[in-house]
Amino acid sequence: MTLHIRPATPADAPQILAFITELAVYEKAEHEVVASVADIERTLFDEHATASALICTLDEQPIGFAVYFFSYSTWQGRKGLYLEDLYVSPEQRGAGAGKALLRHLARLACESGCGRFEWSVLDWNEPAIRFYEAIGASAQDEWIRYRLAGEALRGFAYDDA
């Protein structure tokens, strides 16, 4: 059995969307997935795309993926790498795919001159938290993540009050 990680291509868009949906089901948020294959093709593979994806295969069969983008730290004066999604199919967990994807991204961060490699995890996802701590990652408890989305985003953006 051979694990392989490669950059995703436009032909992977349907598989990426399937993985995104599987991840959303696991995170109890399937109803929030509104992306289409065309959205994935446009936002990951267009010449102006700001995010990238990796596909992890086992014996040439896709078993997981990662989506990432470069961020920026004003304090460090350097870019960082932000992992948006990491997912390995449940039946393939334990084969080292998650760790291989993270190591691949860590190397990419180092080779790209990044000062940090960051991601978020749901506070109830104990298996993921234990996994991340086992590789040496630490929680950033002093920061609270905020989000404007949907109607709240549009309302704030266009309300002159």
C-alpha atoms as a PDB file:
ATOM      1  CA  MET A   1       0.000   0.000   0.000  1.00  0.00           C
ATOM      2  CA  THR A   2       1.444   3.330  -1.088  1.00  0.00           C
ATOM      3  CA  LEU A   3       0.375   6.768   0.145  1.00  0.00           C
ATOM      4  CA  HIS A   4       0.945   9.606  -2.290  1.00  0.00           C
ATOM      5  CA  ILE A   5       0.202  13.335  -1.988  1.00  0.00           C
ATOM      6  CA  ARG A   6      -0.160  15.458  -5.085  1.00  0.00           C
ATOM      7  CA  PRO A   7      -1.509  18.873  -6.021  1.00  0.00           C
ATOM      8  CA  ALA A   8      -5.176  18.680  -6.936  1.00  0.00           C
ATOM      9  CA  THR A   9      -6.233  19.325 -10.526  1.00  0.00           C
ATOM     10  CA  PRO A  10      -9.533  20.548 -11.979  1.00  0.00           C
ATOM     11  CA  ALA A  11     -10.456  16.904 -12.660  1.00  0.00           C
ATOM     12  CA  ASP A  12     -10.431  16.399  -8.852  1.00  0.00           C
ATOM     13  CA  ALA A  13     -13.192  18.976  -8.264  1.00  0.00           C
ATOM     14  CA  PRO A  14     -16.024  16.395  -7.912  1.00  0.00           C
ATOM     15  CA  GLN A  15     -13.934  14.332  -5.460  1.00  0.00           C
ATOM     16  CA  ILE A  16     -13.005  17.440  -3.479  1.00  0.00           C
ATOM     17  CA  LEU A  17     -16.664  18.416  -3.187  1.00  0.00           C
ATOM     18  CA  ALA A  18     -17.495  14.857  -2.069  1.00  0.00           C
ATOM     19  CA  PHE A  19     -14.786  15.080   0.629  1.00  0.00           C
ATOM     20  CA  ILE A  20     -16.063  18.528   1.690  1.00  0.00           C
ATOM     21  CA  THR A  21     -19.550  17.082   2.074  1.00  0.00           C
ATOM     22  CA  GLU A  22     -18.252  14.086   4.070  1.00  0.00           C
ATOM     23  CA  LEU A  23     -16.353  16.473   6.341  1.00  0.00           C
ATOM     24  CA  ALA A  24     -19.445  18.632   6.819  1.00  0.00           C
ATOM     25  CA  VAL A  25     -21.488  15.555   7.763  1.00  0.00           C
ATOM     26  CA  TYR A  26     -18.837  14.633  10.356  1.00  0.00           C
ATOM     27  CA  GLU A  27     -18.888  18.208  11.698  1.00  0.00           C
ATOM     28  CA  LYS A  28     -22.709  18.142  11.869  1.00  0.00           C
ATOM     29  CA  ALA A  29     -22.976  20.949   9.320  1.00  0.00           C
ATOM     30  CA  GLU A  30     -23.942  19.259   6.058  1.00  0.00           C
ATOM     31  CA  HIS A  31     -26.737  21.816   5.594  1.00  0.00           C
ATOM     32  CA  GLU A  32     -24.101  24.563   5.317  1.00  0.00           C
ATOM     33  CA  VAL A  33     -22.441  23.153   2.195  1.00  0.00           C
ATOM     34  CA  VAL A  34     -23.639  25.244  -0.742  1.00  0.00           C
ATOM     35  CA  ALA A  35     -20.574  24.841  -2.983  1.00  0.00           C
ATOM     36  CA  SER A  36     -20.933  23.210  -6.384  1.00  0.00           C
ATOM     37  CA  VAL A  37     -18.352  21.452  -8.535  1.00  0.00           C
ATOM     38  CA  ALA A  38     -18.212  24.630 -10.650  1.00  0.00           C
ATOM     39  CA  ASP A  39     -17.485  26.666  -7.498  1.00  0.00           C
ATOM     40  CA  ILE A  40     -14.614  24.330  -6.597  1.00  0.00           C
ATOM     41  CA  GLU A  41     -13.228  24.477 -10.143  1.00  0.00           C
ATOM     42  CA  ARG A  42     -13.387  28.270 -10.164  1.00  0.00           C
ATOM     43  CA  THR A  43     -12.078  28.983  -6.655  1.00  0.00           C
ATOM     44  CA  LEU A  44      -9.278  26.410  -6.539  1.00  0.00           C
ATOM     45  CA  PHE A  45      -8.117  26.233 -10.145  1.00  0.00           C
ATOM     46  CA  ASP A  46      -8.845  29.600 -11.785  1.00  0.00           C
ATOM     47  CA  GLU A  47      -5.743  31.642 -12.616  1.00  0.00           C
ATOM     48  CA  HIS A  48      -6.694  34.076  -9.808  1.00  0.00           C
ATOM     49  CA  ALA A  49      -7.394  31.373  -7.198  1.00  0.00           C
ATOM     50  CA  THR A  50      -5.990  32.213  -3.774  1.00  0.00           C
ATOM     51  CA  ALA A  51      -6.459  28.747  -2.286  1.00  0.00           C
ATOM     52  CA  SER A  52      -4.920  25.427  -3.287  1.00  0.00           C
ATOM     53  CA  ALA A  53      -5.704  21.789  -2.663  1.00  0.00           C
ATOM     54  CA  LEU A  54      -3.858  18.537  -2.205  1.00  0.00           C
ATOM     55  CA  ILE A  55      -5.159  15.038  -2.812  1.00  0.00           C
ATOM     56  CA  CYS A  56      -3.924  12.065  -0.816  1.00  0.00           C
ATOM     57  CA  THR A  57      -4.180   8.704  -2.534  1.00  0.00           C
ATOM     58  CA  LEU A  58      -3.671   5.165  -1.324  1.00  0.00           C
ATOM     59  CA  ASP A  59      -2.798   2.827  -4.172  1.00  0.00           C
ATOM     60  CA  GLU A  60      -3.964   5.571  -6.555  1.00  0.00           C
ATOM     61  CA  GLN A  61      -7.429   5.864  -4.932  1.00  0.00           C
ATOM     62  CA  PRO A  62      -8.265   9.276  -3.364  1.00  0.00           C
ATOM     63  CA  ILE A  63      -8.675   8.893   0.394  1.00  0.00           C
ATOM     64  CA  GLY A  64      -8.299  12.468   1.624  1.00  0.00           C
ATOM     65  CA  PHE A  65      -7.614  16.071   0.825  1.00  0.00           C
ATOM     66  CA  ALA A  66      -6.407  19.364   2.216  1.00  0.00           C
ATOM     67  CA  VAL A  67      -7.268  22.924   1.196  1.00  0.00           C
ATOM     68  CA  TYR A  68      -4.910  25.707   2.206  1.00  0.00           C
ATOM     69  CA  PHE A  69      -3.955  29.292   1.467  1.00  0.00           C
ATOM     70  CA  PHE A  70      -1.260  31.751   2.415  1.00  0.00           C
ATOM     71  CA  SER A  71      -2.032  34.325   5.083  1.00  0.00           C
ATOM     72  CA  TYR A  72       0.092  37.139   6.508  1.00  0.00           C
ATOM     73  CA  SER A  73       1.363  37.993   9.969  1.00  0.00           C
ATOM     74  CA  THR A  74       2.010  41.677  10.574  1.00  0.00           C
ATOM     75  CA  TRP A  75       3.852  40.822  13.795  1.00  0.00           C
ATOM     76  CA  GLN A  76       6.241  38.499  11.996  1.00  0.00           C
ATOM     77  CA  GLY A  77       6.349  40.461   8.765  1.00  0.00           C
ATOM     78  CA  ARG A  78       6.040  37.125   6.992  1.00  0.00           C
ATOM     79  CA  LYS A  79       3.408  35.048   5.328  1.00  0.00           C
ATOM     80  CA  GLY A  80       1.864  32.035   6.981  1.00  0.00           C
ATOM     81  CA  LEU A  81       0.102  28.951   5.730  1.00  0.00           C
ATOM     82  CA  TYR A  82      -3.495  28.434   6.817  1.00  0.00           C
ATOM     83  CA  LEU A  83      -5.095  25.005   6.538  1.00  0.00           C
ATOM     84  CA  GLU A  84      -8.783  25.439   5.782  1.00  0.00           C
ATOM     85  CA  ASP A  85      -9.751  21.770   5.564  1.00  0.00           C
ATOM     86  CA  LEU A  86      -8.066  18.448   6.220  1.00  0.00           C
ATOM     87  CA  TYR A  87     -10.040  15.266   5.732  1.00  0.00           C
ATOM     88  CA  VAL A  88      -9.316  11.566   5.438  1.00  0.00           C
ATOM     89  CA  SER A  89     -12.094   9.059   4.739  1.00  0.00           C
ATOM     90  CA  PRO A  90     -13.059   7.259   7.972  1.00  0.00           C
ATOM     91  CA  GLU A  91     -12.207   3.796   6.648  1.00  0.00           C
ATOM     92  CA  GLN A  92      -8.673   4.987   5.800  1.00  0.00           C
ATOM     93  CA  ARG A  93      -7.869   6.717   9.086  1.00  0.00           C
ATOM     94  CA  GLY A  94      -4.904   5.282  10.931  1.00  0.00           C
ATOM     95  CA  ALA A  95      -2.929   4.656   7.732  1.00  0.00           C
ATOM     96  CA  GLY A  96      -0.882   7.843   8.203  1.00  0.00           C
ATOM     97  CA  ALA A  97      -2.641   9.961   5.585  1.00  0.00           C
ATOM     98  CA  GLY A  98      -3.535  12.821   7.945  1.00  0.00           C
ATOM     99  CA  LYS A  99      -0.004  13.048   9.266  1.00  0.00           C
ATOM    100  CA  ALA A 100       1.410  12.833   5.745  1.00  0.00           C
ATOM    101  CA  LEU A 101      -0.825  15.682   4.556  1.00  0.00           C
ATOM    102  CA  LEU A 102       0.154  17.835   7.556  1.00  0.00           C
ATOM    103  CA  ARG A 103       3.860  17.087   7.068  1.00  0.00           C
ATOM    104  CA  HIS A 104       3.572  17.919   3.363  1.00  0.00           C
ATOM    105  CA  LEU A 105       1.980  21.273   4.249  1.00  0.00           C
ATOM    106  CA  ALA A 106       4.542  21.944   7.000  1.00  0.00           C
ATOM    107  CA  ARG A 107       7.340  21.417   4.474  1.00  0.00           C
ATOM    108  CA  LEU A 108       5.552  23.691   2.002  1.00  0.00           C
ATOM    109  CA  ALA A 109       5.294  26.346   4.730  1.00  0.00           C
ATOM    110  CA  CYS A 110       9.007  26.068   5.506  1.00  0.00           C
ATOM    111  CA  GLU A 111      10.037  26.095   1.847  1.00  0.00           C
ATOM    112  CA  SER A 112       7.808  29.146   1.227  1.00  0.00           C
ATOM    113  CA  GLY A 113       9.346  31.160   4.071  1.00  0.00           C
ATOM    114  CA  CYS A 114       6.265  31.033   6.274  1.00  0.00           C
ATOM    115  CA  GLY A 115       6.567  31.981   9.916  1.00  0.00           C
ATOM    116  CA  ARG A 116       3.633  29.813  10.970  1.00  0.00           C
ATOM    117  CA  PHE A 117       1.254  27.051   9.965  1.00  0.00           C
ATOM    118  CA  GLU A 118      -2.210  27.378  11.475  1.00  0.00           C
ATOM    119  CA  TRP A 119      -5.657  25.807  11.409  1.00  0.00           C
ATOM    120  CA  SER A 120      -8.822  25.609  13.472  1.00  0.00           C
ATOM    121  CA  VAL A 121     -10.526  22.613  15.031  1.00  0.00           C
ATOM    122  CA  LEU A 122     -13.974  22.280  16.556  1.00  0.00           C
ATOM    123  CA  ASP A 123     -13.742  22.217  20.347  1.00  0.00           C
ATOM    124  CA  TRP A 124     -15.657  18.911  20.551  1.00  0.00           C
ATOM    125  CA  ASN A 125     -13.452  17.072  18.038  1.00  0.00           C
ATOM    126  CA  GLU A 126     -11.336  15.254  20.624  1.00  0.00           C
ATOM    127  CA  PRO A 127      -9.748  12.750  18.191  1.00  0.00           C
ATOM    128  CA  ALA A 128      -8.453  15.621  16.027  1.00  0.00           C
ATOM    129  CA  ILE A 129      -7.294  17.622  19.045  1.00  0.00           C
ATOM    130  CA  ARG A 130      -5.338  14.625  20.399  1.00  0.00           C
ATOM    131  CA  PHE A 131      -3.851  14.037  16.946  1.00  0.00           C
ATOM    132  CA  TYR A 132      -2.741  17.663  16.563  1.00  0.00           C
ATOM    133  CA  GLU A 133      -1.228  17.753  20.040  1.00  0.00           C
ATOM    134  CA  ALA A 134       0.607  14.482  19.334  1.00  0.00           C
ATOM    135  CA  ILE A 135       2.461  16.110  16.427  1.00  0.00           C
ATOM    136  CA  GLY A 136       3.452  19.092  18.577  1.00  0.00           C
ATOM    137  CA  ALA A 137       0.759  21.635  17.664  1.00  0.00           C
ATOM    138  CA  SER A 138      -0.615  23.820  20.439  1.00  0.00           C
ATOM    139  CA  ALA A 139      -4.009  25.442  20.899  1.00  0.00           C
ATOM    140  CA  GLN A 140      -4.134  29.221  20.783  1.00  0.00           C
ATOM    141  CA  ASP A 141      -6.554  29.725  23.665  1.00  0.00           C
ATOM    142  CA  GLU A 142      -6.052  33.469  23.912  1.00  0.00           C
ATOM    143  CA  TRP A 143      -7.688  34.122  20.528  1.00  0.00           C
ATOM    144  CA  ILE A 144     -11.401  33.979  19.774  1.00  0.00           C
ATOM    145  CA  ARG A 145     -12.350  33.562  16.148  1.00  0.00           C
ATOM    146  CA  TYR A 146     -15.140  35.809  14.809  1.00  0.00           C
ATOM    147  CA  ARG A 147     -17.131  35.534  11.613  1.00  0.00           C
ATOM    148  CA  LEU A 148     -19.496  37.663   9.551  1.00  0.00           C
ATOM    149  CA  ALA A 149     -21.378  35.593   6.979  1.00  0.00           C
ATOM    150  CA  GLY A 150     -24.565  35.573   4.968  1.00  0.00           C
ATOM    151  CA  GLU A 151     -27.134  38.204   5.869  1.00  0.00           C
ATOM    152  CA  ALA A 152     -25.025  39.584   8.746  1.00  0.00           C
ATOM    153  CA  LEU A 153     -22.136  40.183   6.335  1.00  0.00           C
ATOM    154  CA  ARG A 154     -24.348  41.843   3.695  1.00  0.00           C
ATOM    155  CA  GLY A 155     -26.160  43.900   6.324  1.00  0.00           C
ATOM    156  CA  PHE A 156     -22.946  45.214   7.838  1.00  0.00           C
ATOM    157  CA  ALA A 157     -21.336  45.831   4.463  1.00  0.00           C
ATOM    158  CA  TYR A 158     -24.208  47.879   3.072  1.00  0.00           C
ATOM    159  CA  ASP A 159     -25.918  49.414   6.121  1.00  0.00           C
ATOM    160  CA  ASP A 160     -24.858  53.067   6.335  1.00  0.00           C
ATOM    161  CA  ALA A 161     -26.223  53.473   9.873  1.00  0.00           C
END
